[in-house]
Amino acid sequence: MGSSRELSMYFFWTLCLIGFVASDVSGAKATPRNLEQIIVGRCEEYQRVIRPDLFKSGYKNCTDLWLKFHKAFANKGPCNVTVESYNDFVTAAFHEIDTENKVMYWSGLQILLAVDYARASNLKYTSIQEILAAYVIRNVDDWCGQVGAPGVDYNACPPWGKCPLLASTSFWTALSKSFAKQVKGTVHLMLNGSSGQAYRNTSIFASSELKNLDKSRTPGVHVHLVYATSGLTIEKCGQGSLVTLEQDVKKKGMTYKCSDDDQAILYFQCVTDMETDRCKKACSVGSRSASSQKSSLSLSLALLMLTIAVTLRPV
């Protein structure tokens, strides 16, 4: 239908007309008691329903993947799981996927914004969340082990950032390192320009993803600065921590590009926050622009269905 910006504009305009507000889903703060069933079930679903095109040479053994995942953190203290503990699982779950000029990284943002924007981009972008190893634990925020029976703590896990060797932290570090070696072409990075420090050298992107990008496969990084819909703007391209990021990227021999306040991303943000002045203004501009072009009711309904499909994704 045209550019991704035009799609986002129509998508946003439709929401302005109907006042649709999406909802968020938060995960549990302890290991789910049915974690084995979740991982094995999603493993089968991903291979046989979601992306069977990636497994034409044969399916992976989902029970074996679960055992490797379980072994990585079970019977260990919740803050004593090394990154290397997940190597067997990450290696076993590996599969090829098209990443050329498509990968969207994020840092300092809610995962739903970056990942759902990538999913709604009509395949223009993809993310680490779309590979098998990540899909099997989608929306599972916490899991941890314990020394002694049953080897897994189903009551409570330390929060993210509480300790450096947290089971989930080490998992994402291991997976990020592996995925970075798969990436081809220019990568995209979504950062929070309202946070006070958009780029942090302690983030997973800085310590695991950027560090493992190969300039021979990944020639450049395109940063997309995102701002709170309240209008708070602290850092812009070429300011503050973005200067450090540019230096870090260029030290690797890669090109650097930065975009402030991408309108397509703003429209997507406003889906869940249309009452702010910034979103009302964007809604007004988007509506006038959209109404000046030929658009049918069927288009609006199609975009509404797209919104529902993204929002009500499987948990």
C-alpha atoms as a PDB file:
ATOM      1  CA  MET A   1       0.000   0.000   0.000  1.00  0.00           C
ATOM      2  CA  GLY A   2       2.980   2.348   0.068  1.00  0.00           C
ATOM      3  CA  SER A   3       5.599   3.245   2.643  1.00  0.00           C
ATOM      4  CA  SER A   4       5.612   2.008   6.229  1.00  0.00           C
ATOM      5  CA  ARG A   5       4.983   5.611   7.337  1.00  0.00           C
ATOM      6  CA  GLU A   6       1.803   5.737   5.231  1.00  0.00           C
ATOM      7  CA  LEU A   7       0.664   2.423   6.711  1.00  0.00           C
ATOM      8  CA  SER A   8       1.308   3.720  10.220  1.00  0.00           C
ATOM      9  CA  MET A   9      -0.559   6.941   9.443  1.00  0.00           C
ATOM     10  CA  TYR A  10      -3.672   5.090   8.236  1.00  0.00           C
ATOM     11  CA  PHE A  11      -3.362   2.678  11.142  1.00  0.00           C
ATOM     12  CA  PHE A  12      -3.207   5.548  13.649  1.00  0.00           C
ATOM     13  CA  TRP A  13      -5.961   7.579  11.981  1.00  0.00           C
ATOM     14  CA  THR A  14      -8.336   4.633  12.204  1.00  0.00           C
ATOM     15  CA  LEU A  15      -7.655   4.360  15.922  1.00  0.00           C
ATOM     16  CA  CYS A  16      -8.269   8.072  16.387  1.00  0.00           C
ATOM     17  CA  LEU A  17     -11.682   7.654  14.799  1.00  0.00           C
ATOM     18  CA  ILE A  18     -12.808   4.747  16.942  1.00  0.00           C
ATOM     19  CA  GLY A  19     -10.967   5.609  20.184  1.00  0.00           C
ATOM     20  CA  PHE A  20      -9.535   2.106  20.470  1.00  0.00           C
ATOM     21  CA  VAL A  21      -7.203   1.608  23.429  1.00  0.00           C
ATOM     22  CA  ALA A  22      -4.929  -1.424  23.622  1.00  0.00           C
ATOM     23  CA  SER A  23      -4.197  -3.206  26.868  1.00  0.00           C
ATOM     24  CA  ASP A  24      -0.963  -4.480  28.344  1.00  0.00           C
ATOM     25  CA  VAL A  25      -0.240  -7.821  29.923  1.00  0.00           C
ATOM     26  CA  SER A  26       2.282  -8.238  32.701  1.00  0.00           C
ATOM     27  CA  GLY A  27       4.016 -11.483  33.524  1.00  0.00           C
ATOM     28  CA  ALA A  28       4.395 -13.335  36.805  1.00  0.00           C
ATOM     29  CA  LYS A  29       7.328 -12.687  39.167  1.00  0.00           C
ATOM     30  CA  ALA A  30       8.181 -16.320  39.825  1.00  0.00           C
ATOM     31  CA  THR A  31       8.863 -19.433  37.775  1.00  0.00           C
ATOM     32  CA  PRO A  32       5.599 -20.641  36.188  1.00  0.00           C
ATOM     33  CA  ARG A  33       4.726 -24.116  37.475  1.00  0.00           C
ATOM     34  CA  ASN A  34       3.918 -25.237  33.945  1.00  0.00           C
ATOM     35  CA  LEU A  35       7.145 -23.854  32.421  1.00  0.00           C
ATOM     36  CA  GLU A  36       7.996 -27.197  30.809  1.00  0.00           C
ATOM     37  CA  GLN A  37       4.625 -27.374  29.056  1.00  0.00           C
ATOM     38  CA  ILE A  38       4.952 -23.740  27.939  1.00  0.00           C
ATOM     39  CA  ILE A  39       8.368 -24.247  26.388  1.00  0.00           C
ATOM     40  CA  VAL A  40       7.653 -27.597  24.752  1.00  0.00           C
ATOM     41  CA  GLY A  41       4.269 -26.427  23.450  1.00  0.00           C
ATOM     42  CA  ARG A  42       5.587 -23.190  22.003  1.00  0.00           C
ATOM     43  CA  CYS A  43       8.547 -25.010  20.502  1.00  0.00           C
ATOM     44  CA  GLU A  44       6.170 -27.277  18.584  1.00  0.00           C
ATOM     45  CA  GLU A  45       3.900 -24.364  17.668  1.00  0.00           C
ATOM     46  CA  TYR A  46       6.765 -22.256  16.319  1.00  0.00           C
ATOM     47  CA  GLN A  47       8.100 -25.043  14.103  1.00  0.00           C
ATOM     48  CA  ARG A  48       4.825 -26.502  12.851  1.00  0.00           C
ATOM     49  CA  VAL A  49       2.531 -23.462  12.756  1.00  0.00           C
ATOM     50  CA  ILE A  50       4.375 -20.142  13.044  1.00  0.00           C
ATOM     51  CA  ARG A  51       7.510 -20.702  10.930  1.00  0.00           C
ATOM     52  CA  PRO A  52       7.475 -24.172   9.332  1.00  0.00           C
ATOM     53  CA  ASP A  53       9.383 -22.651   6.406  1.00  0.00           C
ATOM     54  CA  LEU A  54      12.497 -22.514   8.597  1.00  0.00           C
ATOM     55  CA  PHE A  55      12.490 -26.236   9.377  1.00  0.00           C
ATOM     56  CA  LYS A  56      12.065 -27.938   6.006  1.00  0.00           C
ATOM     57  CA  SER A  57      15.077 -30.129   6.700  1.00  0.00           C
ATOM     58  CA  GLY A  58      13.571 -31.427   9.943  1.00  0.00           C
ATOM     59  CA  TYR A  59      12.089 -30.375  13.257  1.00  0.00           C
ATOM     60  CA  LYS A  60      14.037 -29.853  16.449  1.00  0.00           C
ATOM     61  CA  ASN A  61      13.387 -32.088  19.459  1.00  0.00           C
ATOM     62  CA  CYS A  62      11.388 -29.874  21.797  1.00  0.00           C
ATOM     63  CA  THR A  63      11.770 -32.143  24.822  1.00  0.00           C
ATOM     64  CA  ASP A  64      15.535 -32.035  24.361  1.00  0.00           C
ATOM     65  CA  LEU A  65      15.444 -28.227  24.161  1.00  0.00           C
ATOM     66  CA  TRP A  66      13.478 -28.088  27.412  1.00  0.00           C
ATOM     67  CA  LEU A  67      15.994 -30.367  29.168  1.00  0.00           C
ATOM     68  CA  LYS A  68      18.883 -28.165  28.038  1.00  0.00           C
ATOM     69  CA  PHE A  69      17.062 -25.026  29.142  1.00  0.00           C
ATOM     70  CA  HIS A  70      16.154 -26.570  32.516  1.00  0.00           C
ATOM     71  CA  LYS A  71      19.698 -27.800  33.118  1.00  0.00           C
ATOM     72  CA  ALA A  72      21.052 -24.261  32.632  1.00  0.00           C
ATOM     73  CA  PHE A  73      19.390 -22.833  35.763  1.00  0.00           C
ATOM     74  CA  ALA A  74      17.916 -25.666  37.850  1.00  0.00           C
ATOM     75  CA  ASN A  75      19.570 -26.726  41.124  1.00  0.00           C
ATOM     76  CA  LYS A  76      21.518 -23.468  41.226  1.00  0.00           C
ATOM     77  CA  GLY A  77      21.039 -20.369  43.317  1.00  0.00           C
ATOM     78  CA  PRO A  78      18.900 -17.712  41.595  1.00  0.00           C
ATOM     79  CA  CYS A  79      21.920 -15.397  41.299  1.00  0.00           C
ATOM     80  CA  ASN A  80      24.447 -18.048  40.293  1.00  0.00           C
ATOM     81  CA  VAL A  81      23.633 -18.827  36.636  1.00  0.00           C
ATOM     82  CA  THR A  82      26.425 -18.005  34.204  1.00  0.00           C
ATOM     83  CA  VAL A  83      25.930 -16.909  30.608  1.00  0.00           C
ATOM     84  CA  GLU A  84      27.768 -20.023  29.469  1.00  0.00           C
ATOM     85  CA  SER A  85      25.185 -22.207  31.218  1.00  0.00           C
ATOM     86  CA  TYR A  86      22.815 -21.567  28.318  1.00  0.00           C
ATOM     87  CA  ASN A  87      25.276 -22.399  25.538  1.00  0.00           C
ATOM     88  CA  ASP A  88      23.898 -25.916  24.934  1.00  0.00           C
ATOM     89  CA  PHE A  89      20.322 -24.614  24.697  1.00  0.00           C
ATOM     90  CA  VAL A  90      21.197 -21.672  22.438  1.00  0.00           C
ATOM     91  CA  THR A  91      23.229 -23.910  20.120  1.00  0.00           C
ATOM     92  CA  ALA A  92      20.506 -26.569  19.928  1.00  0.00           C
ATOM     93  CA  ALA A  93      17.786 -23.982  19.231  1.00  0.00           C
ATOM     94  CA  PHE A  94      19.754 -22.176  16.516  1.00  0.00           C
ATOM     95  CA  HIS A  95      18.196 -21.830  13.067  1.00  0.00           C
ATOM     96  CA  GLU A  96      18.716 -19.562  10.083  1.00  0.00           C
ATOM     97  CA  ILE A  97      16.431 -16.541   9.683  1.00  0.00           C
ATOM     98  CA  ASP A  98      16.417 -13.550   7.329  1.00  0.00           C
ATOM     99  CA  THR A  99      17.926 -10.600   9.205  1.00  0.00           C
ATOM    100  CA  GLU A 100      19.336  -8.498   6.375  1.00  0.00           C
ATOM    101  CA  ASN A 101      18.618  -4.796   7.055  1.00  0.00           C
ATOM    102  CA  LYS A 102      15.668  -5.859   9.250  1.00  0.00           C
ATOM    103  CA  VAL A 103      16.831  -6.256  12.834  1.00  0.00           C
ATOM    104  CA  MET A 104      15.351  -3.898  15.404  1.00  0.00           C
ATOM    105  CA  TYR A 105      17.200  -3.703  18.714  1.00  0.00           C
ATOM    106  CA  TRP A 106      15.988  -1.673  21.692  1.00  0.00           C
ATOM    107  CA  SER A 107      17.351  -0.428  24.995  1.00  0.00           C
ATOM    108  CA  GLY A 108      15.778   1.510  27.869  1.00  0.00           C
ATOM    109  CA  LEU A 109      12.270   0.922  26.503  1.00  0.00           C
ATOM    110  CA  GLN A 110       9.379  -1.361  27.302  1.00  0.00           C
ATOM    111  CA  ILE A 111       9.829  -4.485  25.243  1.00  0.00           C
ATOM    112  CA  LEU A 112       6.248  -4.298  23.933  1.00  0.00           C
ATOM    113  CA  LEU A 113       6.858  -1.023  22.092  1.00  0.00           C
ATOM    114  CA  ALA A 114       9.887  -2.205  20.140  1.00  0.00           C
ATOM    115  CA  VAL A 115       8.767  -5.781  19.516  1.00  0.00           C
ATOM    116  CA  ASP A 116       5.144  -5.013  18.626  1.00  0.00           C
ATOM    117  CA  TYR A 117       6.230  -2.167  16.360  1.00  0.00           C
ATOM    118  CA  ALA A 118       8.531  -4.598  14.552  1.00  0.00           C
ATOM    119  CA  ARG A 119       5.701  -7.145  14.268  1.00  0.00           C
ATOM    120  CA  ALA A 120       3.279  -4.559  12.908  1.00  0.00           C
ATOM    121  CA  SER A 121       5.754  -3.235  10.321  1.00  0.00           C
ATOM    122  CA  ASN A 122       4.633  -5.606   7.568  1.00  0.00           C
ATOM    123  CA  LEU A 123       7.911  -7.557   7.842  1.00  0.00           C
ATOM    124  CA  LYS A 124      10.060  -4.437   7.396  1.00  0.00           C
ATOM    125  CA  TYR A 125      11.619  -5.148  10.792  1.00  0.00           C
ATOM    126  CA  THR A 126      12.243  -8.214  12.901  1.00  0.00           C
ATOM    127  CA  SER A 127      13.714  -8.715  16.359  1.00  0.00           C
ATOM    128  CA  ILE A 128      15.400 -11.291  18.547  1.00  0.00           C
ATOM    129  CA  GLN A 129      11.936 -12.107  19.892  1.00  0.00           C
ATOM    130  CA  GLU A 130      11.057 -13.758  16.570  1.00  0.00           C
ATOM    131  CA  ILE A 131      13.558 -16.632  16.790  1.00  0.00           C
ATOM    132  CA  LEU A 132      12.707 -20.016  18.306  1.00  0.00           C
ATOM    133  CA  ALA A 133      14.866 -19.645  21.429  1.00  0.00           C
ATOM    134  CA  ALA A 134      13.075 -16.432  22.400  1.00  0.00           C
ATOM    135  CA  TYR A 135       9.604 -17.462  21.221  1.00  0.00           C
ATOM    136  CA  VAL A 136       9.434 -20.377  23.651  1.00  0.00           C
ATOM    137  CA  ILE A 137       9.611 -18.016  26.659  1.00  0.00           C
ATOM    138  CA  ARG A 138       7.555 -15.147  25.261  1.00  0.00           C
ATOM    139  CA  ASN A 139       5.911 -13.227  28.122  1.00  0.00           C
ATOM    140  CA  VAL A 140       7.706 -15.379  30.703  1.00  0.00           C
ATOM    141  CA  ASP A 141       9.517 -12.641  32.578  1.00  0.00           C
ATOM    142  CA  ASP A 142      11.001 -14.606  35.463  1.00  0.00           C
ATOM    143  CA  TRP A 143      12.352 -18.031  36.244  1.00  0.00           C
ATOM    144  CA  CYS A 144      14.994 -19.200  38.698  1.00  0.00           C
ATOM    145  CA  GLY A 145      16.438 -22.258  40.406  1.00  0.00           C
ATOM    146  CA  GLN A 146      17.244 -23.178  43.958  1.00  0.00           C
ATOM    147  CA  VAL A 147      19.757 -25.437  45.641  1.00  0.00           C
ATOM    148  CA  GLY A 148      17.785 -28.466  46.813  1.00  0.00           C
ATOM    149  CA  ALA A 149      14.514 -30.083  45.777  1.00  0.00           C
ATOM    150  CA  PRO A 150      12.706 -29.446  43.531  1.00  0.00           C
ATOM    151  CA  GLY A 151      15.598 -27.492  41.979  1.00  0.00           C
ATOM    152  CA  VAL A 152      13.286 -24.731  40.707  1.00  0.00           C
ATOM    153  CA  ASP A 153      11.844 -21.888  42.790  1.00  0.00           C
ATOM    154  CA  TYR A 154       8.128 -21.534  42.011  1.00  0.00           C
ATOM    155  CA  ASN A 155       7.467 -18.961  44.730  1.00  0.00           C
ATOM    156  CA  ALA A 156       9.663 -15.936  44.021  1.00  0.00           C
ATOM    157  CA  CYS A 157      12.595 -14.872  41.888  1.00  0.00           C
ATOM    158  CA  PRO A 158      14.853 -11.833  42.347  1.00  0.00           C
ATOM    159  CA  PRO A 159      13.833  -8.849  40.198  1.00  0.00           C
ATOM    160  CA  TRP A 160      15.704  -7.981  37.008  1.00  0.00           C
ATOM    161  CA  GLY A 161      18.922  -6.139  37.816  1.00  0.00           C
ATOM    162  CA  LYS A 162      19.109  -7.458  41.375  1.00  0.00           C
ATOM    163  CA  CYS A 163      22.176  -9.588  40.633  1.00  0.00           C
ATOM    164  CA  PRO A 164      24.467  -9.901  37.583  1.00  0.00           C
ATOM    165  CA  LEU A 165      24.096 -13.686  37.218  1.00  0.00           C
ATOM    166  CA  LEU A 166      20.308 -13.834  37.419  1.00  0.00           C
ATOM    167  CA  ALA A 167      18.910 -16.750  35.399  1.00  0.00           C
ATOM    168  CA  SER A 168      16.910 -14.559  33.010  1.00  0.00           C
ATOM    169  CA  THR A 169      19.667 -11.940  32.644  1.00  0.00           C
ATOM    170  CA  SER A 170      22.247 -14.567  31.720  1.00  0.00           C
ATOM    171  CA  PHE A 171      19.805 -16.157  29.278  1.00  0.00           C
ATOM    172  CA  TRP A 172      19.216 -12.932  27.351  1.00  0.00           C
ATOM    173  CA  THR A 173      22.926 -12.134  27.354  1.00  0.00           C
ATOM    174  CA  ALA A 174      23.748 -15.566  25.884  1.00  0.00           C
ATOM    175  CA  LEU A 175      20.984 -15.329  23.293  1.00  0.00           C
ATOM    176  CA  SER A 176      21.909 -11.752  22.345  1.00  0.00           C
ATOM    177  CA  LYS A 177      25.518 -12.724  21.729  1.00  0.00           C
ATOM    178  CA  SER A 178      24.464 -15.595  19.495  1.00  0.00           C
ATOM    179  CA  PHE A 179      21.859 -13.578  17.577  1.00  0.00           C
ATOM    180  CA  ALA A 180      24.295 -10.708  16.955  1.00  0.00           C
ATOM    181  CA  LYS A 181      26.512 -13.094  15.018  1.00  0.00           C
ATOM    182  CA  GLN A 182      23.553 -13.917  12.738  1.00  0.00           C
ATOM    183  CA  VAL A 183      22.695 -10.323  11.872  1.00  0.00           C
ATOM    184  CA  LYS A 184      23.328  -8.970   8.366  1.00  0.00           C
ATOM    185  CA  GLY A 185      23.042  -5.491   6.901  1.00  0.00           C
ATOM    186  CA  THR A 186      22.183  -2.257   8.705  1.00  0.00           C
ATOM    187  CA  VAL A 187      20.662  -2.755  12.152  1.00  0.00           C
ATOM    188  CA  HIS A 188      18.081  -0.480  13.761  1.00  0.00           C
ATOM    189  CA  LEU A 189      18.200   0.556  17.412  1.00  0.00           C
ATOM    190  CA  MET A 190      15.253   2.077  19.279  1.00  0.00           C
ATOM    191  CA  LEU A 191      16.318   4.217  22.271  1.00  0.00           C
ATOM    192  CA  ASN A 192      14.480   6.247  24.888  1.00  0.00           C
ATOM    193  CA  GLY A 193      15.257   9.946  24.460  1.00  0.00           C
ATOM    194  CA  SER A 194      13.185  10.814  27.539  1.00  0.00           C
ATOM    195  CA  SER A 195      15.115   8.665  30.024  1.00  0.00           C
ATOM    196  CA  GLY A 196      18.007  11.014  30.761  1.00  0.00           C
ATOM    197  CA  GLN A 197      20.568   8.589  29.325  1.00  0.00           C
ATOM    198  CA  ALA A 198      19.420   6.938  26.122  1.00  0.00           C
ATOM    199  CA  TYR A 199      22.583   4.873  25.698  1.00  0.00           C
ATOM    200  CA  ARG A 200      24.202   3.043  28.610  1.00  0.00           C
ATOM    201  CA  ASN A 201      27.439   1.092  28.334  1.00  0.00           C
ATOM    202  CA  THR A 202      26.042  -1.400  30.863  1.00  0.00           C
ATOM    203  CA  SER A 203      23.027  -2.272  28.695  1.00  0.00           C
ATOM    204  CA  ILE A 204      22.704  -5.620  26.920  1.00  0.00           C
ATOM    205  CA  PHE A 205      22.923  -3.784  23.606  1.00  0.00           C
ATOM    206  CA  ALA A 206      26.295  -2.222  24.500  1.00  0.00           C
ATOM    207  CA  SER A 207      27.820  -5.192  26.308  1.00  0.00           C
ATOM    208  CA  SER A 208      26.508  -8.108  24.224  1.00  0.00           C
ATOM    209  CA  GLU A 209      24.891  -7.013  20.968  1.00  0.00           C
ATOM    210  CA  LEU A 210      26.989  -4.148  19.611  1.00  0.00           C
ATOM    211  CA  LYS A 211      30.117  -5.854  20.912  1.00  0.00           C
ATOM    212  CA  ASN A 212      29.374  -8.959  18.827  1.00  0.00           C
ATOM    213  CA  LEU A 213      28.256  -7.262  15.604  1.00  0.00           C
ATOM    214  CA  ASP A 214      30.722  -7.902  12.786  1.00  0.00           C
ATOM    215  CA  LYS A 215      31.324  -4.908  10.510  1.00  0.00           C
ATOM    216  CA  SER A 216      31.904  -7.231   7.543  1.00  0.00           C
ATOM    217  CA  ARG A 217      28.300  -8.432   7.914  1.00  0.00           C
ATOM    218  CA  THR A 218      26.766  -5.373   9.604  1.00  0.00           C
ATOM    219  CA  PRO A 219      28.049  -2.141   8.039  1.00  0.00           C
ATOM    220  CA  GLY A 220      25.959   0.343  10.025  1.00  0.00           C
ATOM    221  CA  VAL A 221      23.601   1.228  12.885  1.00  0.00           C
ATOM    222  CA  HIS A 222      20.494   3.412  12.485  1.00  0.00           C
ATOM    223  CA  VAL A 223      19.254   4.837  15.796  1.00  0.00           C
ATOM    224  CA  HIS A 224      15.581   5.737  16.242  1.00  0.00           C
ATOM    225  CA  LEU A 225      15.089   8.024  19.249  1.00  0.00           C
ATOM    226  CA  VAL A 226      11.687   7.613  20.879  1.00  0.00           C
ATOM    227  CA  TYR A 227      10.167  10.093  23.322  1.00  0.00           C
ATOM    228  CA  ALA A 228       7.478   9.844  25.972  1.00  0.00           C
ATOM    229  CA  THR A 229       4.059  10.826  24.668  1.00  0.00           C
ATOM    230  CA  SER A 230       3.962  13.389  27.481  1.00  0.00           C
ATOM    231  CA  GLY A 231       6.394  15.368  25.342  1.00  0.00           C
ATOM    232  CA  LEU A 232       9.423  15.043  27.637  1.00  0.00           C
ATOM    233  CA  THR A 233      12.594  15.373  25.548  1.00  0.00           C
ATOM    234  CA  ILE A 234      15.977  15.084  27.269  1.00  0.00           C
ATOM    235  CA  GLU A 235      18.418  13.826  24.635  1.00  0.00           C
ATOM    236  CA  LYS A 236      18.359  14.353  20.890  1.00  0.00           C
ATOM    237  CA  CYS A 237      20.641  13.062  18.164  1.00  0.00           C
ATOM    238  CA  GLY A 238      24.177  14.346  18.658  1.00  0.00           C
ATOM    239  CA  GLN A 239      23.669  15.082  22.365  1.00  0.00           C
ATOM    240  CA  GLY A 240      24.659  13.464  25.656  1.00  0.00           C
ATOM    241  CA  SER A 241      25.021   9.696  25.596  1.00  0.00           C
ATOM    242  CA  LEU A 242      24.254   9.623  21.858  1.00  0.00           C
ATOM    243  CA  VAL A 243      27.713  11.108  21.276  1.00  0.00           C
ATOM    244  CA  THR A 244      29.241   8.134  23.101  1.00  0.00           C
ATOM    245  CA  LEU A 245      27.110   5.697  21.103  1.00  0.00           C
ATOM    246  CA  GLU A 246      28.226   7.261  17.822  1.00  0.00           C
ATOM    247  CA  GLN A 247      31.848   6.946  18.915  1.00  0.00           C
ATOM    248  CA  ASP A 248      31.389   3.297  19.940  1.00  0.00           C
ATOM    249  CA  VAL A 249      29.765   2.437  16.609  1.00  0.00           C
ATOM    250  CA  LYS A 250      32.431   4.187  14.546  1.00  0.00           C
ATOM    251  CA  LYS A 251      35.215   2.540  16.557  1.00  0.00           C
ATOM    252  CA  LYS A 252      33.970  -0.734  15.104  1.00  0.00           C
ATOM    253  CA  GLY A 253      34.302   0.688  11.601  1.00  0.00           C
ATOM    254  CA  MET A 254      30.539   0.923  11.126  1.00  0.00           C
ATOM    255  CA  THR A 255      28.448   3.842   9.876  1.00  0.00           C
ATOM    256  CA  TYR A 256      26.094   5.705  12.201  1.00  0.00           C
ATOM    257  CA  LYS A 257      22.734   7.369  11.553  1.00  0.00           C
ATOM    258  CA  CYS A 258      20.315   8.870  14.075  1.00  0.00           C
ATOM    259  CA  SER A 259      16.658   9.888  13.641  1.00  0.00           C
ATOM    260  CA  ASP A 260      14.702  12.003  16.132  1.00  0.00           C
ATOM    261  CA  ASP A 261      11.047  11.282  16.861  1.00  0.00           C
ATOM    262  CA  ASP A 262      10.117   8.995  13.960  1.00  0.00           C
ATOM    263  CA  GLN A 263       6.471   9.789  13.161  1.00  0.00           C
ATOM    264  CA  ALA A 264       5.583   6.190  12.331  1.00  0.00           C
ATOM    265  CA  ILE A 265       6.764   5.121  15.796  1.00  0.00           C
ATOM    266  CA  LEU A 266       4.904   8.038  17.401  1.00  0.00           C
ATOM    267  CA  TYR A 267       1.645   6.926  15.783  1.00  0.00           C
ATOM    268  CA  PHE A 268       2.229   3.434  17.139  1.00  0.00           C
ATOM    269  CA  GLN A 269       2.962   4.774  20.648  1.00  0.00           C
ATOM    270  CA  CYS A 270      -0.224   6.785  20.675  1.00  0.00           C
ATOM    271  CA  VAL A 271      -2.367   3.678  20.178  1.00  0.00           C
ATOM    272  CA  THR A 272      -2.255   3.198  23.956  1.00  0.00           C
ATOM    273  CA  ASP A 273      -1.922   6.835  25.026  1.00  0.00           C
ATOM    274  CA  MET A 274      -4.157   9.013  22.841  1.00  0.00           C
ATOM    275  CA  GLU A 275      -5.168  11.441  25.590  1.00  0.00           C
ATOM    276  CA  THR A 276      -1.828  13.271  25.769  1.00  0.00           C
ATOM    277  CA  ASP A 277      -1.515  16.614  23.992  1.00  0.00           C
ATOM    278  CA  ARG A 278       1.243  15.247  21.783  1.00  0.00           C
ATOM    279  CA  CYS A 279      -0.898  12.352  20.608  1.00  0.00           C
ATOM    280  CA  LYS A 280      -3.987  14.530  20.145  1.00  0.00           C
ATOM    281  CA  LYS A 281      -1.922  16.790  17.907  1.00  0.00           C
ATOM    282  CA  ALA A 282      -0.581  13.820  15.965  1.00  0.00           C
ATOM    283  CA  CYS A 283      -4.115  12.449  15.686  1.00  0.00           C
ATOM    284  CA  SER A 284      -5.376  15.746  14.287  1.00  0.00           C
ATOM    285  CA  VAL A 285      -2.553  15.990  11.756  1.00  0.00           C
ATOM    286  CA  GLY A 286      -2.883  12.332  10.813  1.00  0.00           C
ATOM    287  CA  SER A 287      -6.642  12.614  10.330  1.00  0.00           C
ATOM    288  CA  ARG A 288      -6.364  15.664   8.062  1.00  0.00           C
ATOM    289  CA  SER A 289      -3.636  14.029   6.013  1.00  0.00           C
ATOM    290  CA  ALA A 290      -5.507  10.756   5.734  1.00  0.00           C
ATOM    291  CA  SER A 291      -8.792  12.404   4.793  1.00  0.00           C
ATOM    292  CA  SER A 292      -7.101  14.171   1.888  1.00  0.00           C
ATOM    293  CA  GLN A 293      -6.380  10.793   0.313  1.00  0.00           C
ATOM    294  CA  LYS A 294      -8.724   8.129  -0.974  1.00  0.00           C
ATOM    295  CA  SER A 295      -9.426   5.630   1.782  1.00  0.00           C
ATOM    296  CA  SER A 296     -12.230   3.122   2.082  1.00  0.00           C
ATOM    297  CA  LEU A 297     -14.094   1.642   5.038  1.00  0.00           C
ATOM    298  CA  SER A 298     -12.603  -1.737   4.214  1.00  0.00           C
ATOM    299  CA  LEU A 299      -9.115  -0.301   4.695  1.00  0.00           C
ATOM    300  CA  SER A 300     -10.027   1.056   8.124  1.00  0.00           C
ATOM    301  CA  LEU A 301     -11.539  -2.255   9.152  1.00  0.00           C
ATOM    302  CA  ALA A 302      -8.462  -4.135   7.919  1.00  0.00           C
ATOM    303  CA  LEU A 303      -6.202  -1.909   9.971  1.00  0.00           C
ATOM    304  CA  LEU A 304      -8.417  -2.352  13.004  1.00  0.00           C
ATOM    305  CA  MET A 305      -8.086  -6.117  12.658  1.00  0.00           C
ATOM    306  CA  LEU A 306      -4.311  -5.685  12.420  1.00  0.00           C
ATOM    307  CA  THR A 307      -4.362  -3.736  15.688  1.00  0.00           C
ATOM    308  CA  ILE A 308      -6.408  -6.401  17.449  1.00  0.00           C
ATOM    309  CA  ALA A 309      -4.133  -9.149  16.127  1.00  0.00           C
ATOM    310  CA  VAL A 310      -1.025  -7.388  17.462  1.00  0.00           C
ATOM    311  CA  THR A 311      -2.581  -6.470  20.802  1.00  0.00           C
ATOM    312  CA  LEU A 312      -4.281  -9.765  21.541  1.00  0.00           C
ATOM    313  CA  ARG A 313      -1.241 -11.865  20.675  1.00  0.00           C
ATOM    314  CA  PRO A 314      -0.893 -15.308  22.304  1.00  0.00           C
ATOM    315  CA  VAL A 315       0.407 -15.265  25.891  1.00  0.00           C
END
